[in-house]
Structures are given as C-alpha cells and as structure tokens.
C-alpha cells in the first residue's frame, strides 16, 4: 500500500501519470522476481545497441573533475512527457538519497518526446539526441532499423539540464547530482571509470556486467522499490519487488535502471522518508530566468498575484481530446463553487447582476474585477485555438473574463523577446515554444484558486506550485499581522 501524505493537494488522486504517457507499451509479465545473476539466461529481446545566448551554466562537473574511485552511482533513462520526466527525476533523487549514491542525471527532453520502451530502445533514443550525433543519425542506421524508429528532428525538441529549468538546490544539499552529458557507455567509462566486462546483452531482466548492475524492465511497471523489509511488500500492478536494504549492499559501481517511471514506483512507509520526499517536492520549482520574468509580467497585467483564478485545461492529445467537453463543464462547475464560497451571502443578495460587455477586453475585466462584479480567470492550455473551439463555449459563456497567454501577450515578437533570447546550442533555434508551457503553468499557479484537468500530471504539478504560493502568502500575511 502506497503511503499517502496528509497534504493531499501535493499529490491529488485525479492526477495520474499513466494518462500523460506518449507511448503505452505493455508486454506480458514473465520474468521471475528479484536480482538474477546467471549469465547463461538469455532474453529474446535484444538491445541495439548561436548568436543567441544560452542559460548560464549551473553546477555541472567539467571534464577535468576528479572523482573518487570508490564512489558509487545510480542512473536511469527518462522518457514520456515532460512532467512525467520530472516524476522520474524525483524518484531518482529519492533513491539516490536512500542508497547514498551519486545520481547521474540525464537531461530533460522538451518538446517531442518518446514513450517507455525496453532498455535498448530507450538507450538509443537518448544517444540519438546527444550533441555529438549527426543530424541524420547515420552512426546508428542499423539500430534505428532494428527498433523501427526515426532519426529525431532537432527542430522539434530541445535537451536542457534539469537544473536549468528547476531549482534543485535543496536536493543537491542532500544528494550529489552530476549531469549525464552523453548516453553512451564509453562516456561513463571515461568520466567515472565505470567499465563493462563484455557479458552478453540479455535485453531484459537484472544482471551484472562488470561495474554495472542492470535493471532492464519488461514493462513500465517492472520493479517496485520499497523502503521497508520484504515481509510487508505489496506489488499492486508492479511485477517484482526490491527494497533499499538489499540495494544498499550491492557492491557494483553503478546501478542502472531502464526507467524510474511512476508515482507508485517507490512507496514510502517510513516517516523520515516521507518528510524528505515531501520537502523535495516543495523545493522543486521553476528557476529558468526567462520563465520567471515572463510570469511576473503576465501576472502584473492580470492585476497581481491572487487577483484571479488559474486554470489548466489539457486538450490536444490522448484521451484529453475526447474528454474536453466533459472537462470544461466540470471546470465551470468548480469555478462556480469556488466563487460562491468566497462571496458572502450579503454581497450575493445586494449586488445587482453586472453588465459585462460582449467579448470584454482585459482592461475592462480588470476594472470590473476591482468592483467585485466579475471573476477574472487565467487559463493555461495546450489548445491551439480555444476561442474558436465550441468545447470551450461554456467557459466563456459563464465567465467571459477568461484569458489565455495569447490574449495577454499577443503575437508581437517584441513581447516574447525574453524567451527568444535563449537558444538551443545545437540548432541556434529559440527555446520560446518549449518555455511557454512553463510560463503558462507558473502564471496559472499564482491565482487565489486553481483548477486543473483530471488525469494530467502537469495539472498536478501546477497544483503543487499553487499550494506553495498559497503557503507563502499565508506566511507573509501572518508576518504583517504580528
């Protein structure tokens, strides 16, 4: 049974990582449980193997850094949507803290992503996105053919270190984190002296090859990692159990997981572990300077933080497309309940119905909002043209003072200059389109109330940011009163 925190808003049940996956690959479970070390056991699945400035460098190690030869490490491959990658990173930090190992952290993949798959395919997907690889991926023609994938289009994604996007300063005080600059094994050997012994690749399963203990999952839900002894383990949808006590005893220099996917991957039972994870989640907020600056500008145009309701409406992919109308109706109902609970019964009785212009401007809505005649709403969404989508009509019919980032910033290129200053170092392309969703999320989190989309982990993260914002507001209010 997964430990559930008392602070339920940090991990609401409606936010489920399964619904944010790009790819949903499931195979039947037929691997035996635990760690297997028999080299003769073979699997049928084989791995195949600018003129614009960039964000200021963070505390990544340099090629000249010297590492302790006795140091132990842990790493994994990220996959799926951006917010699911963050869940995997949080799991990686927690597990590295449990095991007292250095976390070799892969880069964040922004934009077009790839879903969970077998170790060999995940490894290839990461190697294809390394800076040193040619645009046509000719170095991996046979592997690309084997896995039936395409060479990624560099215009459709960007790779950034996670700590250029998120504040990992608290995590780094408790766990040593280094950047995985390249995905290939040669880099691990040259950087950390982590060597393989030439054991034949088994494709899937757990086995040792030289300095590396591999955990190569057959499904997204492979090993569940517990912080308690084996007698109390409940697997749920996972295939096998590990615990941190057996992993602490492993002598290998590197423990390499194919994935650390899932909010239920590391069920937390011990109070001190829950406290660490809780604080870790509270500490991971956006830190990219352009995202923070752009957020402040938009919030000021909305009349300041706490002057509006924030929404996140996921609409453009997966089952969210089919569920959009239902989601909008649910959100409208939640807005109404939130507004009704905020207004006093006297105000509701004495105030005449407001006269709202047809298609009101932001300035008109700000003035009416000051008079408490309308509810101002900021909607973060991945919908391309929400104002021309009939599914959104109930929202604007009931709450016409609802605005999106495009309504506020517009199409003027100068308005986006701050985001355009940051470029992908490989292509020289502006990172604007990859940073806008973060600005959207950050802005939506700063209202007096927040409503997200059921099933979206991105909504879950914005809800977390909103809780952090509300806590800070309460602290400031108490400070002023004392």
Protein backbone atom coordinates (compact mmCIF):
# COMPACT_ATOMS: atom_id res chain seq x y z
CA UNK A 1 0.00 0.00 0.00
CA UNK A 2 1.43 3.36 -1.01
CA UNK A 3 1.86 5.87 1.80
CA UNK A 4 -0.38 8.89 1.24
CA UNK A 5 0.62 12.21 2.71
CA UNK A 6 -1.72 14.30 4.79
CA UNK A 7 -1.02 17.20 2.42
CA UNK A 8 -3.26 15.70 -0.25
CA UNK A 9 -3.10 18.71 -2.53
CA UNK A 10 0.51 17.86 -3.31
CA UNK A 11 -0.49 14.55 -4.83
CA UNK A 12 -4.21 14.55 -5.66
CA UNK A 13 -5.58 11.25 -6.86
CA UNK A 14 -7.01 12.79 -10.03
CA UNK A 15 -3.52 13.49 -11.36
CA UNK A 16 -2.29 10.21 -12.81
CA UNK A 17 0.97 9.76 -14.69
CA UNK A 18 -0.46 6.96 -16.83
CA UNK A 19 -2.60 9.44 -18.72
CA UNK A 20 0.37 11.61 -19.66
CA UNK A 21 2.34 8.91 -21.50
CA UNK A 22 3.25 9.44 -25.12
CA UNK A 23 3.50 5.70 -25.78
CA UNK A 24 1.66 2.93 -23.97
CA UNK A 25 3.59 -0.33 -24.48
CA UNK A 26 2.71 -3.30 -22.32
CA UNK A 27 4.01 -6.85 -22.66
CA UNK A 28 3.03 -9.87 -20.60
CA UNK A 29 4.99 -10.34 -17.40
CA UNK A 30 7.11 -13.49 -17.41
CA UNK A 31 10.33 -12.56 -15.61
CA UNK A 32 10.98 -14.14 -12.24
CA UNK A 33 11.29 -11.85 -9.26
CA UNK A 34 14.44 -10.45 -7.73
CA UNK A 35 18.00 -9.99 -8.95
CA UNK A 36 19.27 -12.63 -11.35
CA UNK A 37 22.95 -13.17 -11.99
CA UNK A 38 23.10 -16.23 -14.23
CA UNK A 39 24.97 -15.22 -17.42
CA UNK A 40 23.50 -18.16 -19.33
CA UNK A 41 19.96 -16.81 -19.09
CA UNK A 42 19.07 -15.13 -22.38
CA UNK A 43 16.17 -12.93 -23.45
CA UNK A 44 14.55 -12.97 -26.88
CA UNK A 45 14.57 -9.18 -26.87
CA UNK A 46 17.98 -7.77 -27.79
CA UNK A 47 19.09 -4.22 -27.26
CA UNK A 48 20.61 -2.46 -30.22
CA UNK A 49 22.55 -1.35 -29.33
CA UNK A 50 24.49 30.69 -31.86
CA UNK A 51 24.18 34.35 -31.96
CA UNK A 52 21.63 33.99 -29.19
CA UNK A 53 22.78 33.32 -25.65
CA UNK A 54 22.05 30.23 -23.62
CA UNK A 55 21.13 29.83 -19.93
CA UNK A 56 24.02 30.44 -17.58
CA UNK A 57 25.86 27.23 -16.71
CA UNK A 58 24.94 25.57 -13.45
CA UNK A 59 27.00 23.39 -11.15
CA UNK A 60 27.74 20.62 -13.64
CA UNK A 61 31.08 18.90 -13.47
CA UNK A 62 33.79 19.63 -16.03
CA UNK A 63 35.87 17.14 -17.97
CA UNK A 64 38.78 17.87 -15.63
CA UNK A 65 36.83 16.98 -12.48
CA UNK A 66 38.38 14.18 -10.45
CA UNK A 67 36.02 11.63 -8.92
CA UNK A 68 36.57 9.31 -6.01
CA UNK A 69 37.37 5.85 -7.43
CA UNK A 70 35.29 4.36 -4.62
CA UNK A 71 32.25 6.50 -5.39
CA UNK A 72 29.03 4.66 -6.26
CA UNK A 73 26.41 5.87 -8.71
CA UNK A 74 22.86 5.38 -9.87
CA UNK A 75 21.25 6.38 -13.18
CA UNK A 76 18.26 5.74 -15.44
CA UNK A 77 16.72 6.87 -18.74
CA UNK A 78 13.97 9.47 -18.81
CA UNK A 79 11.01 9.11 -21.18
CA UNK A 80 7.45 10.25 -21.86
CA UNK A 81 6.05 13.73 -21.37
CA UNK A 82 7.99 16.49 -19.65
CA UNK A 83 6.08 16.28 -16.39
CA UNK A 84 6.45 12.51 -16.24
CA UNK A 85 10.18 13.03 -16.63
CA UNK A 86 10.13 15.22 -13.52
CA UNK A 87 8.39 12.43 -11.58
CA UNK A 88 11.20 10.11 -12.65
CA UNK A 89 13.80 12.66 -11.55
CA UNK A 90 12.16 12.96 -8.13
CA UNK A 91 12.22 9.17 -7.84
CA UNK A 92 15.88 9.17 -8.84
CA UNK A 93 16.80 11.75 -6.22
CA UNK A 94 14.89 9.87 -3.52
CA UNK A 95 16.51 6.55 -4.44
CA UNK A 96 20.00 8.10 -4.61
CA UNK A 97 19.41 9.51 -1.11
CA UNK A 98 18.25 6.13 0.17
CA UNK A 99 21.34 4.39 -1.21
CA UNK A 100 23.88 7.17 -0.60
CA UNK A 101 24.87 7.08 -4.27
CA UNK A 102 25.67 9.89 -6.70
CA UNK A 103 22.86 10.46 -9.18
CA UNK A 104 23.98 10.68 -12.81
CA UNK A 105 21.04 12.69 -14.11
CA UNK A 106 20.08 12.68 -17.81
CA UNK A 107 18.95 15.87 -19.50
CA UNK A 108 15.34 16.98 -19.76
CA UNK A 109 13.69 16.39 -23.12
CA UNK A 110 11.40 19.28 -24.02
CA UNK A 111 9.03 19.16 -26.96
CA UNK A 112 8.53 15.98 -28.97
CA UNK A 113 9.15 13.07 -26.62
CA UNK A 114 9.24 9.28 -26.78
CA UNK A 115 7.45 6.83 -24.54
CA UNK A 116 8.54 3.97 -22.33
CA UNK A 117 10.20 1.04 -24.05
CA UNK A 118 12.85 -1.60 -23.45
CA UNK A 119 16.29 -0.60 -22.20
CA UNK A 120 17.94 -0.91 -25.62
CA UNK A 121 15.43 1.35 -27.30
CA UNK A 122 15.47 3.95 -24.52
CA UNK A 123 19.26 3.92 -24.66
CA UNK A 124 19.19 4.51 -28.41
CA UNK A 125 16.61 7.30 -28.14
CA UNK A 126 18.91 9.12 -25.71
CA UNK A 127 22.05 8.55 -27.78
CA UNK A 128 20.31 9.90 -30.90
CA UNK A 129 19.79 13.18 -29.04
CA UNK A 130 23.38 13.59 -27.87
CA UNK A 131 25.09 16.72 -29.17
CA UNK A 132 27.84 14.78 -30.95
CA UNK A 133 25.44 12.81 -33.17
CA UNK A 134 24.91 13.95 -36.76
CA UNK A 135 21.57 15.40 -37.84
CA UNK A 136 20.92 12.33 -40.00
CA UNK A 137 21.90 9.80 -37.30
CA UNK A 138 24.00 7.82 -39.79
CA UNK A 139 26.03 6.45 -36.88
CA UNK A 140 23.05 4.35 -35.79
CA UNK A 141 21.43 3.25 -39.05
CA UNK A 142 21.26 -0.45 -38.13
CA UNK A 143 19.95 0.24 -34.61
CA UNK A 144 17.30 2.62 -35.97
CA UNK A 145 16.19 -0.07 -38.41
CA UNK A 146 16.12 -2.71 -35.66
CA UNK A 147 13.95 -0.65 -33.32
CA UNK A 148 11.83 0.79 -36.15
CA UNK A 149 12.23 4.40 -35.07
CA UNK A 150 13.18 7.57 -36.90
CA UNK A 151 16.08 9.96 -36.52
CA UNK A 152 14.64 12.75 -34.35
CA UNK A 153 14.08 16.17 -35.90
CA UNK A 154 16.15 18.65 -33.90
CA UNK A 155 13.64 21.40 -34.65
CA UNK A 156 11.00 19.53 -32.64
CA UNK A 157 12.77 19.11 -29.32
CA UNK A 158 15.41 20.60 -27.04
CA UNK A 159 17.65 19.00 -24.42
CA UNK A 160 18.36 21.02 -21.27
CA UNK A 161 19.84 20.09 -17.90
CA UNK A 162 17.03 19.75 -15.38
CA UNK A 163 18.67 22.22 -13.03
CA UNK A 164 18.50 24.95 -15.66
CA UNK A 165 14.72 24.57 -15.58
CA UNK A 166 14.03 23.59 -11.97
CA UNK A 167 15.51 24.62 -8.66
CA UNK A 168 17.38 21.55 -7.41
CA UNK A 169 19.43 23.42 -4.80
CA UNK A 170 17.76 21.71 -1.83
CA UNK A 171 18.17 18.29 -3.44
CA UNK A 172 21.87 18.97 -4.06
CA UNK A 173 22.41 19.63 -0.38
CA UNK A 174 21.38 16.03 0.30
CA UNK A 175 22.33 14.13 -2.86
CA UNK A 176 25.32 14.55 -5.16
CA UNK A 177 23.93 15.12 -8.66
CA UNK A 178 26.03 15.18 -11.83
CA UNK A 179 24.89 15.72 -15.40
CA UNK A 180 24.86 12.81 -17.82
CA UNK A 181 26.43 14.62 -20.74
CA UNK A 182 26.29 11.63 -23.09
CA UNK A 183 24.18 8.49 -23.06
CA UNK A 184 26.80 6.03 -24.34
CA UNK A 185 28.72 3.64 -22.10
CA UNK A 186 32.09 4.92 -23.29
CA UNK A 187 31.32 8.24 -21.65
CA UNK A 188 30.54 6.53 -18.33
CA UNK A 189 33.88 4.75 -18.52
CA UNK A 190 35.91 7.82 -19.43
CA UNK A 191 34.22 10.04 -16.82
CA UNK A 192 33.81 7.72 -13.86
CA UNK A 193 35.84 4.62 -14.64
CA UNK A 194 32.66 2.53 -14.90
CA UNK A 195 33.55 -0.48 -17.05
CA UNK A 196 31.64 -3.40 -18.51
CA UNK A 197 33.09 -6.91 -18.68
CA UNK A 198 31.59 -7.96 -22.00
CA UNK A 199 28.70 -10.00 -20.62
CA UNK A 200 26.25 -10.69 -23.48
CA UNK A 201 23.34 -8.27 -23.53
CA UNK A 202 20.24 -10.03 -22.20
CA UNK A 203 17.80 -7.44 -23.43
CA UNK A 204 15.60 -7.53 -20.32
CA UNK A 205 15.98 -8.63 -16.71
CA UNK A 206 18.50 -7.91 -13.98
CA UNK A 207 22.15 -8.92 -14.24
CA UNK A 208 25.70 -7.72 -13.61
CA UNK A 209 28.13 -6.70 -16.34
CA UNK A 210 31.44 -5.58 -14.86
CA UNK A 211 30.89 -2.48 -12.73
CA UNK A 212 27.21 -2.18 -13.66
CA UNK A 213 24.14 -3.80 -12.13
CA UNK A 214 21.39 -3.52 -14.73
CA UNK A 215 17.66 -3.48 -14.11
CA UNK A 216 16.09 -3.71 -17.56
CA UNK A 217 12.33 -3.79 -17.27
CA UNK A 218 9.93 -5.73 -19.48
CA UNK A 219 7.05 -3.36 -18.70
CA UNK A 220 6.64 0.15 -17.39
CA UNK A 221 5.78 -1.43 -14.05
CA UNK A 222 8.77 -3.67 -13.52
CA UNK A 223 10.36 -3.42 -10.07
CA UNK A 224 8.67 -1.69 -7.16
CA UNK A 225 11.25 -0.39 -4.71
CA UNK A 226 10.28 -0.44 -1.02
CA UNK A 227 11.74 1.35 1.98
CA UNK A 228 10.69 -1.47 4.32
CA UNK A 229 11.78 -5.13 4.71
CA UNK A 230 10.24 -7.78 2.41
CA UNK A 231 7.54 -9.06 4.78
CA UNK A 232 5.21 -6.13 4.12
CA UNK A 233 5.61 -5.69 0.35
CA UNK A 234 2.52 -5.31 -1.82
CA UNK A 235 3.27 -5.21 -5.52
CA UNK A 236 -0.02 -3.88 -6.90
CA UNK A 237 0.44 -3.54 -10.67
CA UNK A 238 4.22 -3.97 -10.44
CA UNK A 239 5.95 -7.20 -11.46
CA UNK A 240 8.60 -7.68 -8.77
CA UNK A 241 9.91 -6.21 -5.53
CA UNK A 242 13.19 -4.65 -4.49
CA UNK A 243 13.99 -2.95 -1.23
CA UNK A 244 16.54 -0.30 -0.38
CA UNK A 245 18.27 -2.57 2.14
CA UNK A 246 19.28 -5.14 -0.45
CA UNK A 247 20.26 -2.39 -2.90
CA UNK A 248 22.48 -0.74 -0.27
CA UNK A 249 24.51 -3.95 -0.11
CA UNK A 250 25.24 -4.05 -3.83
CA UNK A 251 28.98 -3.63 -4.50
CA UNK A 252 28.68 -2.55 -8.15
CA UNK A 253 29.92 0.92 -9.00
CA UNK A 254 26.76 1.77 -10.94
CA UNK A 255 23.13 0.68 -10.63
CA UNK A 256 21.49 1.39 -13.99
CA UNK A 257 17.70 1.25 -14.31
CA UNK A 258 15.98 1.43 -17.65
CA UNK A 259 13.30 3.66 -16.08
CA UNK A 260 12.13 5.02 -12.74
CA UNK A 261 8.65 5.69 -14.07
CA UNK A 262 5.62 6.15 -11.86
CA UNK A 263 4.34 7.86 -8.73
CA UNK A 264 3.90 4.42 -7.14
CA UNK A 265 7.37 3.17 -8.00
CA UNK A 266 8.81 3.99 -4.57
CA UNK A 267 6.04 3.58 -1.96
CA UNK A 268 7.00 5.44 1.19
CA UNK A 269 6.25 3.95 4.61
CA UNK A 270 8.85 5.44 6.96
CA UNK A 271 8.06 8.93 8.34
CA UNK A 272 11.59 10.27 7.85
CA UNK A 273 11.49 9.17 4.23
CA UNK A 274 8.11 10.80 3.70
CA UNK A 275 9.44 14.04 5.19
CA UNK A 276 12.40 14.03 2.79
CA UNK A 277 10.18 13.36 -0.23
CA UNK A 278 7.62 15.96 0.86
CA UNK A 279 10.31 18.62 1.28
CA UNK A 280 11.92 17.61 -2.00
CA UNK A 281 8.66 18.14 -3.88
CA UNK A 282 8.12 21.52 -2.23
CA UNK A 283 11.62 22.60 -3.22
CA UNK A 284 11.42 21.79 -6.94
CA UNK A 285 10.05 24.94 -8.55
CA UNK A 286 10.86 26.71 -11.79
CA UNK A 287 14.13 28.64 -11.83
CA UNK A 288 14.70 29.49 -15.51
CA UNK A 289 15.17 33.30 -15.52
CA UNK A 290 13.12 33.93 -18.66
CA UNK A 291 10.23 31.83 -17.34
CA UNK A 292 10.22 33.69 -14.02
CA UNK A 293 10.48 37.12 -15.63
CA UNK A 294 7.76 36.47 -18.20
CA UNK A 295 5.49 35.08 -15.50
CA UNK A 296 5.82 38.26 -13.44
CA UNK A 297 4.94 40.44 -16.43
CA UNK A 298 1.78 38.48 -17.18
CA UNK A 299 0.71 38.44 -13.54
CA UNK A 300 1.08 42.20 -13.33
CA UNK A 301 -1.18 42.56 -16.36
CA UNK A 302 -3.72 40.40 -14.53
CA UNK A 303 -3.73 42.84 -11.64
CA UNK A 304 -1.24 41.00 -9.47
CA UNK A 305 -0.93 37.58 -7.90
CA UNK A 306 -4.03 36.31 -6.15
CA UNK A 307 -6.27 38.52 -8.31
CA UNK A 308 -7.59 35.72 -10.50
CA UNK A 309 -8.45 32.04 -10.71
CA UNK A 310 -5.91 29.87 -12.50
CA UNK A 311 -6.94 27.01 -14.78
CA UNK A 312 -5.06 24.31 -16.65
CA UNK A 313 -7.01 22.74 -19.49
CA UNK A 314 -5.26 19.92 -21.28
CA UNK A 315 -6.89 19.48 -24.65
CA UNK A 316 -4.63 18.48 -27.51
CA UNK A 317 -3.62 14.84 -27.14
CA UNK A 318 -4.64 11.41 -25.93
CA UNK A 319 -7.93 10.88 -24.18
CA UNK A 320 -7.95 14.56 -23.15
CA UNK A 321 -9.26 15.37 -26.64
CA UNK A 322 -12.31 13.15 -26.15
CA UNK A 323 -12.81 14.30 -22.57
CA UNK A 324 -12.51 18.03 -23.33
CA UNK A 325 -16.21 18.94 -23.22
CA UNK A 326 -16.72 17.00 -20.00
CA UNK A 327 -13.59 18.55 -18.54
CA UNK A 328 -14.74 22.10 -19.40
CA UNK A 329 -18.16 21.54 -17.83
CA UNK A 330 -16.51 20.16 -14.70
CA UNK A 331 -14.18 23.16 -14.51
CA UNK A 332 -17.08 25.61 -14.90
CA UNK A 333 -18.88 23.90 -12.01
CA UNK A 334 -15.77 24.05 -9.85
CA UNK A 335 -15.28 27.75 -10.61
CA UNK A 336 -18.87 28.45 -9.61
CA UNK A 337 -18.47 26.60 -6.31
CA UNK A 338 -15.21 28.40 -5.56
CA UNK A 339 -16.68 31.82 -6.32
CA UNK A 340 -19.85 31.14 -4.32
CA UNK A 341 -17.86 30.03 -1.30
CA UNK A 342 -15.73 33.18 -1.46
CA UNK A 343 -18.62 35.62 -1.71
CA UNK A 344 -20.63 36.43 1.38
CA UNK A 345 -24.36 35.81 1.21
CA UNK A 346 -24.97 39.54 1.79
CA UNK A 347 -22.84 40.53 -1.16
CA UNK A 348 -24.63 38.00 -3.33
CA UNK A 349 -28.06 39.34 -2.38
CA UNK A 350 -27.33 43.07 -2.51
CA UNK A 351 -25.15 43.19 -5.62
CA UNK A 352 -27.12 43.60 -8.88
CA UNK A 353 -26.13 41.43 -11.85
CA UNK A 354 -23.15 43.06 -13.56
CA UNK A 355 -23.37 44.43 -17.08
CA UNK A 356 -20.50 42.80 -18.94
CA UNK A 357 -19.57 43.92 -22.46
CA UNK A 358 -19.66 41.35 -25.23
CA UNK A 359 -16.14 39.92 -25.63
CA UNK A 360 -14.69 42.16 -22.89
CA UNK A 361 -11.08 43.28 -23.02
CA UNK A 362 -8.60 42.57 -20.26
CA UNK A 363 -8.70 46.22 -19.17
CA UNK A 364 -12.50 46.16 -18.94
CA UNK A 365 -12.39 42.95 -16.92
CA UNK A 366 -9.73 44.32 -14.60
CA UNK A 367 -11.94 47.33 -13.82
CA UNK A 368 -15.00 45.15 -13.22
CA UNK A 369 -12.91 42.81 -11.09
CA UNK A 370 -11.86 45.70 -8.84
CA UNK A 371 -15.56 46.33 -8.24
CA UNK A 372 -16.07 42.60 -7.49
CA UNK A 373 -18.50 42.35 -10.39
CA UNK A 374 -16.73 39.64 -12.37
CA UNK A 375 -14.37 36.75 -11.78
CA UNK A 376 -11.06 37.17 -13.58
CA UNK A 377 -9.61 33.89 -14.86
CA UNK A 378 -6.29 32.91 -16.41
CA UNK A 379 -6.37 29.71 -18.44
CA UNK A 380 -3.21 27.77 -19.24
CA UNK A 381 -3.91 25.35 -22.07
CA UNK A 382 -2.29 23.42 -24.90
CA UNK A 383 -5.33 24.01 -27.13
CA UNK A 384 -4.23 25.76 -30.32
CA UNK A 385 -7.29 28.00 -30.83
CA UNK A 386 -9.50 27.71 -27.76
CA UNK A 387 -11.67 30.71 -28.67
CA UNK A 388 -12.76 29.00 -31.88
CA UNK A 389 -13.35 25.60 -30.25
CA UNK A 390 -17.02 25.05 -29.29
CA UNK A 391 -15.94 22.84 -26.39
CA UNK A 392 -14.74 25.98 -24.58
CA UNK A 393 -18.01 27.89 -25.09
CA UNK A 394 -19.46 27.06 -21.64
CA UNK A 395 -16.40 28.61 -20.02
CA UNK A 396 -16.64 31.91 -21.88
CA UNK A 397 -20.44 31.98 -21.67
CA UNK A 398 -20.38 31.77 -17.87
CA UNK A 399 -17.05 33.51 -17.29
CA UNK A 400 -16.30 35.90 -20.18
CA UNK A 401 -13.33 37.41 -18.34
CA UNK A 402 -11.23 34.34 -19.03
CA UNK A 403 -7.91 34.98 -20.78
CA UNK A 404 -5.05 32.93 -22.19
CA UNK A 405 -1.40 33.79 -22.64
CA UNK A 406 -2.04 34.69 -26.30
CA UNK A 407 -4.79 37.10 -25.24
CA UNK A 408 -2.42 38.88 -22.88
CA UNK A 409 0.91 38.80 -24.70
CA UNK A 410 -0.35 38.71 -28.28
CA UNK A 411 1.64 38.00 -31.41
CA UNK A 412 4.05 40.93 -31.17
CA UNK A 413 7.52 39.43 -31.40
CA UNK A 414 8.96 42.03 -29.04
CA UNK A 415 6.62 40.79 -26.32
CA UNK A 416 8.35 37.41 -26.45
CA UNK A 417 11.89 38.81 -26.63
CA UNK A 418 12.88 37.47 -23.21
CA UNK A 419 12.11 33.90 -24.21
CA UNK A 420 13.66 34.32 -27.65
CA UNK A 421 16.99 35.28 -26.08
CA UNK A 422 17.50 31.65 -25.06
CA UNK A 423 18.54 29.28 -27.83
CA UNK A 424 19.28 25.62 -28.38
CA UNK A 425 23.06 25.39 -28.53
CA UNK A 426 22.97 22.81 -31.33
CA UNK A 427 20.48 24.44 -33.72
CA UNK A 428 20.54 28.08 -32.61
CA UNK A 429 16.75 27.91 -32.54
CA UNK A 430 14.82 29.95 -29.97
CA UNK A 431 13.59 27.96 -26.98
CA UNK A 432 10.42 30.04 -26.81
CA UNK A 433 7.98 27.29 -27.82
CA UNK A 434 9.45 24.95 -25.19
CA UNK A 435 9.38 27.56 -22.41
CA UNK A 436 5.87 28.95 -23.00
CA UNK A 437 4.14 25.97 -21.27
CA UNK A 438 6.26 26.64 -18.19
CA UNK A 439 5.27 30.33 -18.19
CA UNK A 440 1.66 29.24 -18.63
CA UNK A 441 1.88 26.86 -15.68
CA UNK A 442 3.73 29.30 -13.45
CA UNK A 443 1.15 32.02 -14.10
CA UNK A 444 -1.85 29.75 -13.51
CA UNK A 445 -0.40 28.69 -10.15
CA UNK A 446 -0.44 32.23 -8.76
CA UNK A 447 -4.18 32.82 -8.59
CA UNK A 448 -6.33 32.76 -5.45
CA UNK A 449 -7.67 29.39 -6.61
CA UNK A 450 -6.50 26.73 -9.07
CA UNK A 451 -8.41 24.10 -11.06
CA UNK A 452 -6.69 21.53 -13.26
CA UNK A 453 -7.59 18.74 -15.67
CA UNK A 454 -8.36 15.33 -14.23
CA UNK A 455 -5.66 12.83 -15.15
CA UNK A 456 -2.95 15.35 -16.05
CA UNK A 457 0.33 15.22 -14.16
CA UNK A 458 1.04 18.73 -15.44
CA UNK A 459 -2.09 19.90 -13.62
CA UNK A 460 -0.78 18.03 -10.59
CA UNK A 461 2.50 19.95 -10.69
CA UNK A 462 0.72 23.31 -11.13
CA UNK A 463 -1.46 22.39 -8.15
CA UNK A 464 1.72 21.80 -6.16
CA UNK A 465 3.09 25.21 -7.22
CA UNK A 466 -0.23 26.76 -6.21
CA UNK A 467 -0.02 25.17 -2.75
CA UNK A 468 3.49 26.58 -2.35
CA UNK A 469 2.28 30.03 -3.44
CA UNK A 470 -0.65 29.91 -1.01
CA UNK A 471 1.63 28.89 1.85
CA UNK A 472 3.95 31.81 1.14
CA UNK A 473 1.00 34.21 1.04
CA UNK A 474 -0.23 32.96 4.42
CA UNK A 475 3.25 33.31 5.91
CA UNK A 476 3.53 36.87 4.62
CA UNK A 477 0.07 37.69 5.94
CA UNK A 478 0.90 36.32 9.38
CA UNK A 479 4.15 38.27 9.35
CA UNK A 480 2.32 41.52 8.65
CA UNK A 481 -0.21 40.85 11.41
CA UNK A 482 2.38 40.05 14.07
